[in-house]
Amino acid sequence: MKATLYTLVLLIGLGGLLKAQDYGTDSISCRENLYIYYELAKKKQYLEAYDSWQKVIDMCPGSSKNNFIYGPYIVKAKIEEAEKANDTAAENKFKKMLLDVYDQRNEIYPGREADVATRKALDYFQYFDNNAKAYELFNKALEIGGQEQPAAFYNFFFVAAARMFNEKVFEVEDVFRAYNIVNEGIEYNNNALNTTIAELIVKRDTNGLELSTQEQKDLGKAERELERYTKVESNIEKILAPIATCDKLNLIYNEESFAANSKDTVWLRRAAKMLQKERKNEEGEYEDCTDNPIFYKIAETIHNMQPSAPSARAMFIRSYRNNDYAKASGFIREAIKFEIDPIKRSSDYLKLAAVQMKRGNLSAAKSAALNAANLDRSNGDPYVMLATIYAAAAGTCGNNVFEKNAVYWAAINKLNYAKSIDASVNSKANRLIAAYKKSLPDKSIIFQLGYVEGDSYTIGCWINETITVSY
C-alpha cells in the first residue's frame, strides 16, 4: 500500500515537470495524421508525409516532438521538389517554413536550443543566398552551443566568411578572425576525438583487452569523425592560401599591433599560429611567414605567458633560425609532449628529425622520422625525410665502395614508397631519385665485388635496411 501511494505521488509530481502532449481540439484527426506522417517519415518518404505532417503542425504542433524532428526533412524535400519544378514562389514559401519549424521547436519543446541553432545555421547556408545572415547564424550557434560542432559546420562557417571577403563585405582581418575561430573549433574537436581513439587503441593494442561492441562502434565513429574534420581542415587551408599571403599578414602583425596586444593571450596565440602556418610551395617545400621580425617577440611573449604546443613550436622556429639546435630540439620535444593530435605530432617529429640531422645524429633522426610515419600513415613526407637521412649516411656504413653507397638504394626505396602513398611529394621525390641514382655504385665495381643485379644486401649500422641490387 505504501509503495502504491509513493508511486502515485511520484507520478503526480513528475506530471508538473513533464510536458503533456497536446492533441488540439480534434484529437482524433490529430492522432490519425500523426500516425500517417510518422510511418511515412520513418521510411524517408518525406514528400508523401508532407500533407499529414502539415495538418498536424496546423492543428496540434505540441502532440509530439517528432513533429519537429522529422519536420526539417519533410520541408527540405518540398524545397527540393519546388526547385526542380522551377516554382520560385513555392520554394520561398517552404524555405520560410523551414526556419519557422526550428523556431517553433524551441518554443514548444525547449531544451535543445544548441542543436537547433546549429541545424538552422547549416540549412540557412544551404538554402538562402545571404552569406552575412548565414555567418550571423553560425556565430549564434557557437555562442549557444560552444565549439562542439560537426565538421560541416566549420567548413561552411569559413566558406561564408570567404564569400563575404569576395563580396568586399569583409576585410582580410575579418577572414583571419573567422579562420582562427574555425581552426580553434576544429582543434577542440580533434583533441576530444584523438583522446577517445588513443584510449581505446591503448586498451586494445597495448593492454591486449578486447573492446566491447559499443567501444568498437565508438572507435569507428571517432575515426570517421576525425577524418571528416581533417578533410574540412584541408579544404579551409586551400581557401585561405591565396588570402593569407605573407605580405597581408605582415600588414596586420607588426610592432604597432604587437604593442597594442602584448598582454592579450588570444591575440598572441593566434598571431603566432598564423605567422608560422606552413604551406607547400610549387617545389613541394614547406614555407611560412616567420621571417616577419615581430614573430620572435610574439613567440617569446606567448610562450612565457601560456606554454603550449603552438608556442613551443614558435620557440623551436626561433631557435632553429638562430642555429641553436640544442634549444630547438628541446622546444620541439616540448611541443610533442603537449600535443595530442597525431597529425600535428607527426609534423613535430619531422621537425625533430631535421634538428637531429643538423646535429649529426642520424640514428636519432631516423627514429624521429619513423615516429612521424607511424602517426600519419598517408603522408609521404616522413619517408622523404628517411631518404635524405640515409643519403646523408653515405660512406659511413660498410667496408667498400659498394657497401658504403648502398644507402642510396635504401633512400630510393623510401622515395618510391612515399610517392605510392602521397602524390603531393612526387615532384620532390623524383628530383631526389634522379640525384641519388647518380651516386649508386658503378656496375663494374658491383660485379667486381661479387654482386649481380637482383641480389639482396642488408645494410648494417643503424640503418638495417635490405635492398635489392639494380643497375
Protein backbone atom coordinates (compact mmCIF):
# COMPACT_ATOMS: atom_id res chain seq x y z
CA MET A 1 0.00 0.00 0.00
CA LYS A 2 2.82 2.38 0.93
CA ALA A 3 4.61 1.55 -2.33
CA THR A 4 1.46 2.23 -4.35
CA LEU A 5 0.89 5.56 -2.66
CA TYR A 6 4.57 6.52 -3.18
CA THR A 7 4.34 5.68 -6.88
CA LEU A 8 1.15 7.72 -7.24
CA VAL A 9 2.70 10.73 -5.51
CA LEU A 10 5.82 10.42 -7.69
CA LEU A 11 3.79 10.36 -10.89
CA ILE A 12 1.75 13.36 -9.78
CA GLY A 13 4.98 15.20 -9.00
CA LEU A 14 6.52 14.35 -12.34
CA GLY A 15 3.35 15.45 -14.07
CA GLY A 16 4.27 19.00 -13.26
CA LEU A 17 7.71 18.58 -14.86
CA LEU A 18 6.87 16.58 -17.96
CA LYS A 19 5.27 18.28 -20.95
CA ALA A 20 1.83 16.86 -21.68
CA GLN A 21 1.03 16.03 -25.29
CA ASP A 22 -1.45 18.46 -26.84
CA TYR A 23 -3.68 16.83 -29.44
CA GLY A 24 -5.65 20.00 -30.08
CA THR A 25 -9.42 20.39 -30.41
CA ASP A 26 -9.78 17.49 -32.87
CA SER A 27 -7.71 14.80 -31.20
CA ILE A 28 -8.96 12.01 -33.49
CA SER A 29 -7.86 13.80 -36.67
CA CYS A 30 -4.59 14.84 -35.00
CA ARG A 31 -3.75 11.28 -33.98
CA GLU A 32 -4.67 9.89 -37.42
CA ASN A 33 -2.47 12.35 -39.31
CA LEU A 34 0.31 11.98 -36.77
CA TYR A 35 0.31 8.21 -37.34
CA ILE A 36 0.20 8.58 -41.15
CA TYR A 37 3.09 11.03 -41.50
CA TYR A 38 5.20 9.30 -38.85
CA GLU A 39 5.05 5.93 -40.61
CA LEU A 40 5.97 7.55 -43.95
CA ALA A 41 8.74 9.69 -42.48
CA LYS A 42 10.33 6.67 -40.79
CA LYS A 43 10.70 5.20 -44.29
CA LYS A 44 12.14 8.53 -45.55
CA GLN A 45 9.10 9.08 -47.75
CA TYR A 46 9.15 12.74 -46.86
CA LEU A 47 7.17 14.13 -49.79
CA GLU A 48 4.34 11.67 -49.15
CA ALA A 49 4.42 12.58 -45.46
CA TYR A 50 4.02 16.32 -46.04
CA ASP A 51 0.22 16.69 -46.19
CA SER A 52 -0.43 14.80 -42.96
CA TRP A 53 2.52 16.47 -41.24
CA GLN A 54 1.23 19.92 -42.26
CA LYS A 55 -2.20 19.16 -40.76
CA VAL A 56 -0.55 18.11 -37.50
CA ILE A 57 1.58 21.28 -37.41
CA ASP A 58 -1.52 23.40 -38.03
CA MET A 59 -3.91 21.75 -35.56
CA CYS A 60 -1.71 20.17 -32.85
CA PRO A 61 2.02 21.05 -33.07
CA GLY A 62 2.55 20.04 -29.44
CA SER A 63 1.29 16.49 -30.00
CA SER A 64 4.78 15.01 -30.48
CA LYS A 65 8.42 16.05 -30.56
CA ASN A 66 8.64 14.02 -33.80
CA ASN A 67 6.77 16.86 -35.49
CA PHE A 68 10.00 18.87 -35.22
CA ILE A 69 12.48 16.03 -35.53
CA TYR A 70 11.11 14.97 -38.92
CA GLY A 71 9.79 18.40 -39.85
CA PRO A 72 13.01 19.80 -41.37
CA TYR A 73 13.49 16.68 -43.53
CA ILE A 74 9.92 16.89 -44.78
CA VAL A 75 10.13 20.61 -45.58
CA LYS A 76 13.54 20.26 -47.27
CA ALA A 77 12.05 17.59 -49.54
CA LYS A 78 9.38 20.14 -50.55
CA ILE A 79 12.04 22.80 -51.18
CA GLU A 80 13.95 20.47 -53.50
CA GLU A 81 10.72 19.50 -55.26
CA ALA A 82 9.95 23.17 -55.87
CA GLU A 83 13.48 23.80 -57.11
CA LYS A 84 13.16 21.02 -59.69
CA ALA A 85 9.83 22.43 -60.84
CA ASN A 86 11.29 25.96 -61.04
CA ASP A 87 8.46 27.11 -58.77
CA THR A 88 10.10 30.09 -57.07
CA ALA A 89 7.03 31.05 -55.06
CA ALA A 90 6.68 27.57 -53.57
CA GLU A 91 10.41 27.37 -52.97
CA ASN A 92 10.40 30.63 -51.00
CA LYS A 93 7.33 29.53 -49.06
CA PHE A 94 8.97 26.29 -47.93
CA LYS A 95 12.26 27.99 -47.12
CA LYS A 96 10.46 30.30 -44.72
CA MET A 97 8.59 27.31 -43.31
CA LEU A 98 11.91 25.55 -42.63
CA LEU A 99 13.10 28.41 -40.43
CA ASP A 100 9.71 28.54 -38.70
CA VAL A 101 9.96 24.84 -37.84
CA TYR A 102 13.22 25.43 -35.99
CA ASP A 103 11.87 28.46 -34.13
CA GLN A 104 8.62 26.67 -33.26
CA ARG A 105 10.52 23.70 -31.85
CA ASN A 106 12.35 25.96 -29.42
CA GLU A 107 9.01 27.42 -28.28
CA ILE A 108 7.10 24.16 -27.87
CA TYR A 109 9.92 21.74 -26.99
CA PRO A 110 12.76 23.78 -25.45
CA GLY A 111 15.95 22.17 -24.19
CA ARG A 112 17.84 21.52 -27.43
CA GLU A 113 18.49 25.11 -28.45
CA ALA A 114 22.17 24.47 -29.22
CA ASP A 115 21.43 21.62 -31.63
CA VAL A 116 18.59 23.58 -33.23
CA ALA A 117 20.83 26.64 -33.71
CA THR A 118 23.48 24.53 -35.46
CA ARG A 119 20.99 22.84 -37.78
CA LYS A 120 19.28 26.13 -38.57
CA ALA A 121 22.60 27.77 -39.48
CA LEU A 122 23.62 24.87 -41.74
CA ASP A 123 20.25 24.80 -43.52
CA TYR A 124 20.20 28.57 -43.89
CA PHE A 125 23.61 28.48 -45.56
CA GLN A 126 22.42 25.75 -47.94
CA TYR A 127 19.08 27.24 -48.95
CA PHE A 128 19.50 31.01 -48.68
CA ASP A 129 21.79 33.27 -50.68
CA ASN A 130 22.78 35.57 -47.84
CA ASN A 131 26.30 34.94 -46.54
CA ALA A 132 26.14 37.72 -43.94
CA LYS A 133 23.00 36.28 -42.34
CA ALA A 134 24.45 32.75 -42.50
CA TYR A 135 27.61 33.99 -40.80
CA GLU A 136 25.50 35.62 -38.10
CA LEU A 137 23.62 32.33 -37.50
CA PHE A 138 26.88 30.37 -37.33
CA ASN A 139 28.19 32.75 -34.70
CA LYS A 140 24.93 32.49 -32.75
CA ALA A 141 25.18 28.69 -32.82
CA LEU A 142 28.73 28.91 -31.45
CA GLU A 143 27.56 31.28 -28.74
CA ILE A 144 24.78 28.89 -27.68
CA GLY A 145 26.41 25.51 -28.24
CA GLY A 146 30.14 26.16 -27.92
CA GLN A 147 32.91 24.59 -30.01
CA GLU A 148 31.48 21.07 -30.11
CA GLN A 149 30.13 21.38 -33.64
CA PRO A 150 30.09 18.98 -36.64
CA ALA A 151 32.83 19.22 -39.26
CA ALA A 152 30.41 20.60 -41.88
CA PHE A 153 29.56 23.48 -39.55
CA TYR A 154 33.14 24.76 -39.52
CA ASN A 155 33.53 24.19 -43.24
CA PHE A 156 30.53 26.33 -44.18
CA PHE A 157 31.25 28.88 -41.45
CA PHE A 158 34.56 29.67 -43.13
CA VAL A 159 33.16 29.43 -46.66
CA ALA A 160 30.61 32.10 -45.68
CA ALA A 161 33.44 34.32 -44.39
CA ALA A 162 35.49 33.80 -47.57
CA ARG A 163 32.50 34.68 -49.74
CA MET A 164 31.94 37.84 -47.73
CA PHE A 165 35.58 38.73 -48.42
CA ASN A 166 34.99 38.20 -52.15
CA GLU A 167 31.85 40.34 -51.89
CA LYS A 168 34.04 43.05 -50.26
CA VAL A 169 31.96 42.90 -47.08
CA PHE A 170 34.90 41.51 -45.07
CA GLU A 171 38.43 42.83 -44.82
CA VAL A 172 41.43 40.50 -44.60
CA GLU A 173 41.44 40.83 -40.80
CA ASP A 174 37.83 39.58 -40.67
CA VAL A 175 38.75 36.49 -42.68
CA PHE A 176 41.68 35.78 -40.37
CA ARG A 177 39.39 36.19 -37.35
CA ALA A 178 36.96 33.69 -38.85
CA TYR A 179 39.81 31.32 -39.67
CA ASN A 180 41.08 31.42 -36.10
CA ILE A 181 37.62 30.69 -34.70
CA VAL A 182 37.23 27.76 -37.09
CA ASN A 183 40.77 26.50 -36.57
CA GLU A 184 40.36 26.52 -32.79
CA GLY A 185 37.00 24.78 -33.08
CA ILE A 186 38.42 22.02 -35.26
CA GLU A 187 41.36 21.65 -32.89
CA TYR A 188 38.98 21.35 -29.92
CA ASN A 189 37.03 18.54 -31.60
CA ASN A 190 40.17 16.83 -32.93
CA ASN A 191 41.64 16.75 -29.44
CA ALA A 192 38.49 15.19 -28.00
CA LEU A 193 38.33 12.57 -30.77
CA ASN A 194 42.04 11.79 -30.55
CA THR A 195 41.72 11.28 -26.81
CA THR A 196 38.89 8.78 -27.33
CA ILE A 197 40.77 6.97 -30.11
CA ALA A 198 44.03 6.84 -28.14
CA GLU A 199 42.34 5.43 -25.03
CA LEU A 200 40.56 2.69 -26.97
CA ILE A 201 43.63 1.77 -29.04
CA VAL A 202 45.79 1.56 -25.90
CA LYS A 203 43.20 -0.72 -24.32
CA ARG A 204 43.08 -2.94 -27.42
CA ASP A 205 46.66 -2.93 -28.73
CA THR A 206 48.82 -2.14 -25.69
CA ASN A 207 46.87 -3.76 -22.88
CA GLY A 208 45.58 -6.61 -25.06
CA LEU A 209 41.98 -6.19 -23.90
CA GLU A 210 39.03 -6.91 -26.16
CA LEU A 211 36.82 -3.94 -26.93
CA SER A 212 33.12 -4.27 -26.26
CA THR A 213 30.68 -3.95 -29.15
CA GLN A 214 29.86 -0.41 -28.04
CA GLU A 215 33.55 0.50 -27.76
CA GLN A 216 34.20 -0.81 -31.27
CA LYS A 217 31.36 1.38 -32.54
CA ASP A 218 32.71 4.35 -30.58
CA LEU A 219 36.19 3.83 -32.07
CA GLY A 220 34.88 3.56 -35.62
CA LYS A 221 32.67 6.63 -35.18
CA ALA A 222 35.54 8.68 -33.70
CA GLU A 223 37.88 7.70 -36.55
CA ARG A 224 35.26 8.64 -39.16
CA GLU A 225 34.58 11.96 -37.46
CA LEU A 226 38.29 12.71 -37.26
CA GLU A 227 38.62 12.03 -40.97
CA ARG A 228 35.80 14.49 -41.67
CA TYR A 229 37.48 17.23 -39.64
CA THR A 230 40.78 16.52 -41.43
CA LYS A 231 39.10 16.93 -44.83
CA VAL A 232 37.44 20.15 -43.72
CA GLU A 233 40.75 21.47 -42.40
CA SER A 234 42.38 20.73 -45.76
CA ASN A 235 39.54 22.46 -47.64
CA ILE A 236 39.79 25.55 -45.45
CA GLU A 237 43.56 25.74 -45.94
CA LYS A 238 43.03 25.76 -49.72
CA ILE A 239 40.53 28.60 -49.44
CA LEU A 240 42.78 30.58 -47.11
CA ALA A 241 46.03 30.14 -49.06
CA PRO A 242 45.51 32.93 -51.64
CA ILE A 243 44.25 35.28 -48.92
CA ALA A 244 46.81 34.66 -46.16
CA THR A 245 49.91 35.75 -48.03
CA CYS A 246 52.91 36.89 -46.02
CA ASP A 247 52.52 40.42 -47.38
CA LYS A 248 48.97 40.63 -46.00
CA LEU A 249 49.97 39.04 -42.68
CA ASN A 250 52.86 41.48 -42.27
CA LEU A 251 50.43 44.40 -42.56
CA ILE A 252 48.38 43.03 -39.66
CA TYR A 253 51.07 41.61 -37.37
CA ASN A 254 53.67 44.32 -36.76
CA GLU A 255 55.26 46.38 -33.98
CA GLU A 256 52.19 48.59 -33.64
CA SER A 257 49.67 45.75 -33.33
CA PHE A 258 52.01 43.83 -31.01
CA ALA A 259 52.33 46.82 -28.68
CA ALA A 260 48.54 47.09 -28.54
CA ASN A 261 48.02 43.37 -27.84
CA SER A 262 51.16 42.28 -25.96
CA LYS A 263 49.12 41.13 -22.93
CA ASP A 264 46.27 39.57 -24.91
CA THR A 265 46.98 35.81 -24.92
CA VAL A 266 44.27 35.12 -27.52
CA TRP A 267 45.71 37.66 -29.96
CA LEU A 268 49.29 36.49 -29.32
CA ARG A 269 48.40 32.81 -29.76
CA ARG A 270 46.51 33.45 -32.98
CA ALA A 271 49.22 35.72 -34.37
CA ALA A 272 51.94 33.15 -33.70
CA LYS A 273 49.90 30.38 -35.35
CA MET A 274 49.05 32.47 -38.41
CA LEU A 275 52.67 33.50 -38.99
CA GLN A 276 54.12 30.01 -38.53
CA LYS A 277 51.39 28.28 -40.54
CA GLU A 278 53.11 26.11 -43.13
CA ARG A 279 52.07 25.68 -46.73
CA LYS A 280 53.73 23.83 -49.61
CA ASN A 281 55.16 25.79 -52.49
CA GLU A 282 55.31 24.58 -56.10
CA GLU A 283 58.54 22.66 -55.40
CA GLY A 284 56.86 20.70 -52.61
CA GLU A 285 58.85 22.51 -49.92
CA TYR A 286 57.20 23.96 -46.83
CA GLU A 287 57.29 27.69 -46.20
CA ASP A 288 55.79 30.08 -43.65
CA CYS A 289 55.81 33.76 -42.67
CA THR A 290 58.13 33.59 -39.67
CA ASP A 291 60.60 35.91 -41.40
CA ASN A 292 58.40 38.71 -40.07
CA PRO A 293 60.62 40.36 -37.40
CA ILE A 294 57.72 40.65 -34.93
CA PHE A 295 57.26 36.88 -34.91
CA TYR A 296 60.09 36.36 -32.43
CA LYS A 297 58.65 38.84 -29.92
CA ILE A 298 55.22 37.25 -30.25
CA ALA A 299 56.66 33.74 -29.84
CA GLU A 300 58.65 34.51 -26.73
CA THR A 301 55.86 36.51 -25.09
CA ILE A 302 53.14 33.89 -25.56
CA HIS A 303 55.42 31.00 -24.53
CA ASN A 304 56.33 32.78 -21.30
CA MET A 305 52.70 33.61 -20.56
CA GLN A 306 50.97 30.43 -21.68
CA PRO A 307 53.21 27.50 -22.73
CA SER A 308 51.53 25.14 -25.21
CA ALA A 309 52.32 23.04 -28.26
CA PRO A 310 51.89 26.02 -30.66
CA SER A 311 54.02 28.33 -28.50
CA ALA A 312 56.73 25.67 -28.16
CA ARG A 313 56.75 25.30 -31.97
CA ALA A 314 57.15 29.04 -32.28
CA MET A 315 60.17 28.94 -29.96
CA PHE A 316 61.53 25.98 -31.94
CA ILE A 317 61.42 28.05 -35.13
CA ARG A 318 63.19 30.92 -33.41
CA SER A 319 65.97 28.66 -32.10
CA TYR A 320 66.30 26.78 -35.38
CA ARG A 321 66.64 30.01 -37.34
CA ASN A 322 69.36 31.10 -34.91
CA ASN A 323 71.21 27.79 -35.48
CA ASP A 324 70.75 26.90 -31.80
CA TYR A 325 69.87 23.28 -32.50
CA ALA A 326 70.17 22.11 -28.89
CA LYS A 327 67.48 24.56 -27.80
CA ALA A 328 65.44 23.82 -30.93
CA SER A 329 65.48 20.13 -30.05
CA GLY A 330 64.24 20.89 -26.55
CA PHE A 331 61.39 23.12 -27.73
CA ILE A 332 60.10 20.68 -30.35
CA ARG A 333 60.19 17.86 -27.80
CA GLU A 334 58.14 20.13 -25.57
CA ALA A 335 55.63 20.60 -28.40
CA ILE A 336 55.41 16.81 -28.86
CA LYS A 337 54.74 16.42 -25.14
CA PHE A 338 51.90 18.98 -25.19
CA GLU A 339 50.31 17.85 -28.47
CA ILE A 340 47.67 15.09 -28.61
CA ASP A 341 46.68 15.41 -32.29
CA PRO A 342 48.60 12.62 -34.10
CA ILE A 343 48.89 14.59 -37.35
CA LYS A 344 50.42 17.59 -35.60
CA ARG A 345 52.67 15.31 -33.53
CA SER A 346 53.81 13.68 -36.78
CA SER A 347 54.78 17.09 -38.12
CA ASP A 348 56.64 17.82 -34.88
CA TYR A 349 58.59 14.58 -35.15
CA LEU A 350 59.63 15.60 -38.68
CA LYS A 351 60.98 18.83 -37.25
CA LEU A 352 62.83 16.85 -34.60
CA ALA A 353 64.31 14.64 -37.33
CA ALA A 354 65.53 17.74 -39.17
CA VAL A 355 67.17 19.06 -35.99
CA GLN A 356 68.87 15.73 -35.30
CA MET A 357 70.27 15.75 -38.83
CA LYS A 358 71.68 19.21 -38.22
CA ARG A 359 73.30 17.91 -35.04
CA GLY A 360 74.78 14.95 -36.94
CA ASN A 361 72.76 12.37 -35.01
CA LEU A 362 71.42 10.37 -37.95
CA SER A 363 70.25 7.41 -35.89
CA ALA A 364 68.06 9.66 -33.72
CA ALA A 365 66.86 11.43 -36.87
CA LYS A 366 65.73 8.08 -38.29
CA SER A 367 63.87 7.27 -35.07
CA ALA A 368 62.05 10.60 -35.17
CA ALA A 369 61.12 10.15 -38.85
CA LEU A 370 59.72 6.68 -38.15
CA ASN A 371 57.62 8.11 -35.32
CA ALA A 372 56.29 10.69 -37.78
CA ALA A 373 55.45 7.98 -40.31
CA ASN A 374 53.60 5.86 -37.74
CA LEU A 375 51.46 8.80 -36.64
CA ASP A 376 50.44 9.88 -40.17
CA ARG A 377 50.41 6.82 -42.42
CA SER A 378 49.10 8.58 -45.52
CA ASN A 379 51.81 11.26 -45.52
CA GLY A 380 54.85 10.75 -47.76
CA ASP A 381 57.00 13.43 -46.09
CA PRO A 382 58.39 11.14 -43.33
CA TYR A 383 59.67 8.75 -46.00
CA VAL A 384 61.23 11.61 -47.95
CA MET A 385 62.94 12.57 -44.70
CA LEU A 386 64.14 8.97 -44.19
CA ALA A 387 65.59 9.03 -47.70
CA THR A 388 67.57 12.18 -47.01
CA ILE A 389 68.80 10.71 -43.71
CA TYR A 390 70.00 7.55 -45.46
CA ALA A 391 71.67 9.56 -48.20
CA ALA A 392 73.46 11.63 -45.55
CA ALA A 393 74.92 8.36 -44.19
CA ALA A 394 76.74 7.56 -47.45
CA GLY A 395 80.28 6.43 -46.78
CA THR A 396 79.73 5.66 -43.11
CA CYS A 397 78.35 2.09 -43.19
CA GLY A 398 80.31 -0.78 -44.74
CA ASN A 399 83.85 -1.65 -45.75
CA ASN A 400 83.97 -0.96 -49.51
CA VAL A 401 82.53 1.33 -52.17
CA PHE A 402 79.51 -0.91 -52.78
CA GLU A 403 78.58 -1.25 -49.12
CA LYS A 404 79.19 2.41 -48.31
CA ASN A 405 76.98 3.63 -51.18
CA ALA A 406 74.22 1.01 -50.85
CA VAL A 407 72.37 3.56 -48.73
CA TYR A 408 71.26 5.26 -51.96
CA TRP A 409 69.21 2.20 -52.91
CA ALA A 410 67.56 2.35 -49.49
CA ALA A 411 66.90 6.07 -49.99
CA ILE A 412 65.35 5.49 -53.44
CA ASN A 413 63.13 2.73 -51.99
CA LYS A 414 61.79 5.16 -49.39
CA LEU A 415 61.15 7.80 -52.04
CA ASN A 416 59.24 5.37 -54.25
CA TYR A 417 57.15 4.32 -51.26
CA ALA A 418 56.49 7.97 -50.42
CA LYS A 419 55.14 8.52 -53.94
CA SER A 420 52.94 5.43 -53.69
CA ILE A 421 51.06 6.79 -50.67
CA ASP A 422 51.17 10.55 -51.25
CA ALA A 423 51.09 12.15 -54.71
CA SER A 424 51.91 15.57 -53.26
CA VAL A 425 55.57 14.54 -52.74
CA ASN A 426 56.08 13.35 -56.34
CA SER A 427 57.97 16.39 -57.57
CA LYS A 428 60.46 16.47 -54.70
CA ALA A 429 60.83 12.69 -54.62
CA ASN A 430 61.56 12.49 -58.35
CA ARG A 431 64.27 15.15 -58.09
CA LEU A 432 65.93 13.25 -55.25
CA ILE A 433 65.65 9.90 -57.04
CA ALA A 434 67.39 11.36 -60.08
CA ALA A 435 70.18 12.75 -57.89
CA TYR A 436 70.63 9.56 -55.85
CA LYS A 437 70.77 7.33 -58.91
CA LYS A 438 73.90 9.18 -59.97
CA SER A 439 75.53 8.18 -56.68
CA LEU A 440 74.76 4.44 -56.89
CA PRO A 441 77.80 2.13 -57.08
CA ASP A 442 79.18 1.68 -60.59
CA LYS A 443 78.04 -1.51 -62.37
CA SER A 444 81.60 -2.78 -62.92
CA ILE A 445 82.52 -2.22 -59.27
CA ILE A 446 79.37 -4.03 -58.15
CA PHE A 447 80.35 -7.02 -60.32
CA GLN A 448 83.96 -6.98 -59.13
CA LEU A 449 82.79 -7.13 -55.52
CA GLY A 450 80.71 -10.23 -56.21
CA TYR A 451 77.21 -8.82 -56.62
CA VAL A 452 74.85 -9.07 -59.60
CA GLU A 453 71.52 -7.44 -60.37
CA GLY A 454 68.73 -8.88 -58.22
CA ASP A 455 70.96 -9.78 -55.27
CA SER A 456 69.82 -8.74 -51.80
CA TYR A 457 72.09 -6.90 -49.41
CA THR A 458 71.38 -5.83 -45.82
CA ILE A 459 72.93 -2.51 -44.86
CA GLY A 460 74.39 -2.63 -41.37
CA CYS A 461 74.97 0.09 -38.80
CA TRP A 462 71.84 1.81 -37.53
CA ILE A 463 70.21 1.71 -40.96
CA ASN A 464 69.40 -2.01 -41.00
CA GLU A 465 67.65 -1.98 -44.39
CA THR A 466 67.67 -4.75 -47.00
CA ILE A 467 67.98 -3.55 -50.59
CA THR A 468 67.92 -5.24 -53.99
CA VAL A 469 70.86 -4.55 -56.29
CA SER A 470 69.77 -2.89 -59.54
CA TYR A 471 71.74 -1.23 -62.31
